[in-house]
Amino acid sequence: MSSLTTEEREGLLNDWKDHPMRKPRIAKVIVNMGVGRSGELLERAKSVLEGLTDHTPINLIAKQTIRDFGIRKSEPIACKVTLRGEKARMFLEKAIAAVDNQILRSSFDKFGNFSFGIKEHIDIPGTQYDPDLGIFGMDVCVSFERPGYRIARRRRQRRSVPTRHRLTKTEVRLFMEEDFGVEIVKERRMKYF
């Protein structure tokens, strides 16, 4: 259930229609699989991630040594893929379907970016179970921006994005409800088989 009134909702939608530079868009989707150790397990996770996204994952290394878990500093323990453009949108549609089109209200930060977890990669529609690879969970982090955010990244005459042009939680929630059919919930309902 949205926290916006009907008038506020219609006002935002009309604003996006009248001013296309104010409509949010997906900047990037980062898919992260942390396995906790290097070796064969990490290689299997990388092949699962590559099969899901059609991109080659990169390794993430441990920042410190944790003897109790058998982790050494600079050892690869996870992998991730960054998706942009249409591939990011297509993957996000499938990933949201894996969590029953529900996103927790507390998953959004103050600039509208959000994250959610998928317990088993076989929950994603169209994914087959392969006993040789196993089952892996993953984190999906979604970043949003408006057209014009490039001024903060360009080389020449770099500027900060003005406060009036930054995204808010409310705008991204409305965008997700309208474009992806997502239900923003206070707490996830457990499904029982």
Protein backbone atom coordinates (compact mmCIF):
# COMPACT_ATOMS: atom_id res chain seq x y z
CA MET A 1 0.00 0.00 0.00
CA SER A 2 1.44 3.33 -1.03
CA SER A 3 1.81 6.12 1.52
CA LEU A 4 0.89 8.71 -1.14
CA THR A 5 -2.56 10.19 -1.45
CA THR A 6 -4.27 10.03 -4.83
CA GLU A 7 -3.63 13.73 -5.46
CA GLU A 8 0.10 13.44 -4.67
CA ARG A 9 0.37 10.34 -6.84
CA GLU A 10 -1.34 12.01 -9.81
CA GLY A 11 0.75 15.15 -9.27
CA LEU A 12 4.02 13.20 -9.50
CA LEU A 13 2.89 11.23 -12.55
CA ASN A 14 1.80 14.44 -14.31
CA ASP A 15 5.12 16.09 -13.37
CA TRP A 16 7.03 13.20 -14.97
CA LYS A 17 4.87 13.44 -18.08
CA ASP A 18 5.33 17.23 -18.38
CA HIS A 19 9.03 17.20 -17.43
CA PRO A 20 10.76 14.02 -18.72
CA MET A 21 14.07 15.06 -17.11
CA ARG A 22 12.48 14.52 -13.70
CA LYS A 23 11.38 10.90 -14.24
CA PRO A 24 13.57 8.34 -12.42
CA ARG A 25 15.46 5.68 -14.32
CA ILE A 26 17.56 2.67 -13.37
CA ALA A 27 21.22 3.65 -13.24
CA LYS A 28 22.57 0.16 -12.48
CA VAL A 29 21.75 -3.19 -10.93
CA ILE A 30 24.51 -4.94 -8.99
CA VAL A 31 24.15 -8.68 -8.34
CA ASN A 32 26.43 -10.01 -5.59
CA MET A 33 27.07 -13.61 -4.52
CA GLY A 34 29.14 -14.05 -1.38
CA VAL A 35 30.32 -17.61 -0.75
CA GLY A 36 32.88 -17.00 2.00
CA ARG A 37 35.83 -18.86 0.50
CA SER A 38 37.78 -19.23 -2.69
CA GLY A 39 38.24 -22.32 -4.80
CA GLU A 40 35.71 -24.57 -6.45
CA LEU A 41 32.71 -23.11 -4.60
CA LEU A 42 33.50 -19.61 -5.85
CA GLU A 43 33.96 -20.90 -9.40
CA ARG A 44 30.56 -22.59 -9.29
CA ALA A 45 28.97 -19.36 -8.00
CA LYS A 46 30.62 -17.43 -10.85
CA SER A 47 29.24 -19.86 -13.43
CA VAL A 48 25.73 -19.55 -11.94
CA LEU A 49 25.97 -15.76 -11.97
CA GLU A 50 27.25 -15.75 -15.54
CA GLY A 51 24.38 -17.99 -16.61
CA LEU A 52 21.82 -15.68 -15.00
CA THR A 53 23.18 -12.38 -16.32
CA ASP A 54 25.18 -13.21 -19.49
CA HIS A 55 28.07 -11.14 -18.09
CA THR A 56 31.44 -12.24 -16.74
CA PRO A 57 31.54 -11.78 -12.94
CA ILE A 58 34.48 -10.21 -11.15
CA ASN A 59 35.97 -11.45 -7.88
CA LEU A 60 35.64 -9.54 -4.63
CA ILE A 61 38.44 -9.96 -2.12
CA ALA A 62 38.43 -10.15 1.67
CA LYS A 63 39.45 -6.90 3.37
CA GLN A 64 40.78 -8.53 6.53
CA THR A 65 41.82 -11.88 7.94
CA ILE A 66 39.24 -13.76 10.03
CA ARG A 67 40.87 -16.88 11.43
CA ASP A 68 37.65 -18.37 12.84
CA PHE A 69 36.14 -18.53 9.36
CA GLY A 70 39.38 -19.46 7.59
CA ILE A 71 39.45 -16.25 5.57
CA ARG A 72 42.74 -14.60 4.66
CA LYS A 73 43.19 -10.98 3.65
CA SER A 74 43.15 -10.44 -0.16
CA GLU A 75 41.59 -13.87 -0.77
CA PRO A 76 38.69 -13.85 -3.30
CA ILE A 77 35.51 -14.77 -1.40
CA ALA A 78 32.66 -13.39 -3.54
CA CYS A 79 31.72 -12.33 -7.06
CA LYS A 80 29.54 -9.62 -8.56
CA VAL A 81 28.14 -8.33 -11.84
CA THR A 82 27.04 -4.78 -12.68
CA LEU A 83 24.22 -4.45 -15.21
CA ARG A 84 23.12 -1.26 -16.94
CA GLY A 85 20.50 -0.25 -19.48
CA GLU A 86 18.02 -2.74 -20.88
CA LYS A 87 19.84 -5.78 -19.45
CA ALA A 88 19.49 -4.30 -15.96
CA ARG A 89 15.77 -3.79 -16.47
CA MET A 90 15.21 -7.33 -17.78
CA PHE A 91 17.16 -8.91 -14.91
CA LEU A 92 15.35 -6.75 -12.34
CA GLU A 93 11.96 -7.88 -13.64
CA LYS A 94 12.96 -11.53 -13.18
CA ALA A 95 14.56 -10.91 -9.77
CA ILE A 96 11.49 -9.10 -8.44
CA ALA A 97 9.31 -12.00 -9.60
CA ALA A 98 11.53 -14.28 -7.47
CA VAL A 99 10.48 -12.37 -4.33
CA ASP A 100 6.75 -12.39 -5.26
CA ASN A 101 6.78 -8.73 -6.44
CA GLN A 102 7.21 -7.51 -2.88
CA ILE A 103 9.88 -5.12 -1.62
CA LEU A 104 10.22 -4.14 2.02
CA ARG A 105 9.62 -0.49 2.81
CA SER A 106 12.78 -0.50 4.94
CA SER A 107 14.89 -1.62 1.94
CA PHE A 108 14.90 1.90 0.45
CA ASP A 109 17.52 4.48 1.42
CA LYS A 110 16.84 8.23 1.53
CA PHE A 111 17.81 8.69 -2.14
CA GLY A 112 15.52 5.91 -3.32
CA ASN A 113 18.10 3.17 -3.97
CA PHE A 114 17.10 -0.23 -2.62
CA SER A 115 18.41 -3.76 -2.07
CA PHE A 116 16.84 -7.14 -1.57
CA GLY A 117 18.01 -10.72 -1.26
CA ILE A 118 17.09 -13.88 -3.11
CA LYS A 119 17.56 -17.00 -0.99
CA GLU A 120 17.94 -19.47 -3.86
CA HIS A 121 18.85 -18.64 -7.44
CA ILE A 122 16.42 -21.28 -8.70
CA ASP A 123 13.54 -19.03 -7.54
CA ILE A 124 14.25 -16.76 -10.52
CA PRO A 125 11.80 -17.64 -13.32
CA GLY A 126 13.35 -19.63 -16.17
CA THR A 127 16.24 -20.97 -14.08
CA GLN A 128 16.88 -24.71 -14.00
CA TYR A 129 18.48 -26.57 -11.10
CA ASP A 130 21.86 -28.09 -11.95
CA PRO A 131 23.07 -30.61 -9.33
CA ASP A 132 26.69 -30.08 -10.40
CA LEU A 133 26.52 -26.38 -9.46
CA GLY A 134 24.30 -26.40 -6.37
CA ILE A 135 22.11 -23.61 -5.03
CA PHE A 136 23.31 -20.09 -4.27
CA GLY A 137 21.69 -17.00 -2.78
CA MET A 138 22.35 -13.48 -3.96
CA ASP A 139 21.91 -9.82 -3.13
CA VAL A 140 20.46 -7.42 -5.70
CA CYS A 141 21.23 -3.70 -5.28
CA VAL A 142 19.41 -1.20 -7.50
CA SER A 143 20.57 2.41 -7.99
CA PHE A 144 18.35 5.09 -9.50
CA GLU A 145 19.04 8.47 -11.03
CA ARG A 146 17.37 11.16 -13.08
CA PRO A 147 18.61 12.29 -16.49
CA GLY A 148 21.25 14.92 -15.78
CA TYR A 149 23.16 13.06 -13.04
CA ARG A 150 26.08 12.90 -15.48
CA ILE A 151 27.27 16.32 -14.24
CA ALA A 152 28.59 14.59 -11.12
CA ARG A 153 30.64 12.05 -13.14
CA ARG A 154 31.97 13.96 -16.14
CA ARG A 155 35.62 14.97 -16.42
CA ARG A 156 35.30 18.64 -17.28
CA GLN A 157 33.31 21.11 -15.17
CA ARG A 158 32.18 18.48 -12.70
CA ARG A 159 29.45 19.69 -10.35
CA SER A 160 27.30 18.20 -7.63
CA VAL A 161 23.69 17.34 -8.35
CA PRO A 162 21.43 20.06 -6.88
CA THR A 163 19.16 19.06 -4.01
CA ARG A 164 16.02 19.88 -5.99
CA HIS A 165 17.05 17.36 -8.68
CA ARG A 166 17.88 14.46 -6.34
CA LEU A 167 15.52 11.53 -6.04
CA THR A 168 13.52 10.75 -2.93
CA LYS A 169 12.21 7.50 -1.47
CA THR A 170 8.66 8.38 -2.40
CA GLU A 171 9.44 8.96 -6.07
CA VAL A 172 11.31 5.67 -6.48
CA ARG A 173 8.59 3.75 -4.64
CA LEU A 174 5.98 5.21 -7.01
CA PHE A 175 8.21 4.43 -10.02
CA MET A 176 8.56 0.79 -8.92
CA GLU A 177 4.81 0.47 -8.30
CA GLU A 178 3.92 1.97 -11.69
CA ASP A 179 6.60 0.45 -13.97
CA PHE A 180 7.24 -2.94 -12.33
CA GLY A 181 3.99 -3.62 -10.46
CA VAL A 182 5.86 -3.98 -7.17
CA GLU A 183 4.01 -4.02 -3.88
CA ILE A 184 5.80 -2.07 -1.12
CA VAL A 185 5.18 -3.96 2.14
CA LYS A 186 6.00 -3.34 5.77
CA GLU A 187 7.06 -6.95 6.35
CA ARG A 188 7.38 -9.96 4.07
CA ARG A 189 4.70 -12.60 4.23
CA MET A 190 6.16 -16.07 4.42
CA LYS A 191 4.87 -18.54 1.86
CA TYR A 192 4.18 -22.03 3.08
CA PHE A 193 4.15 -25.08 0.86
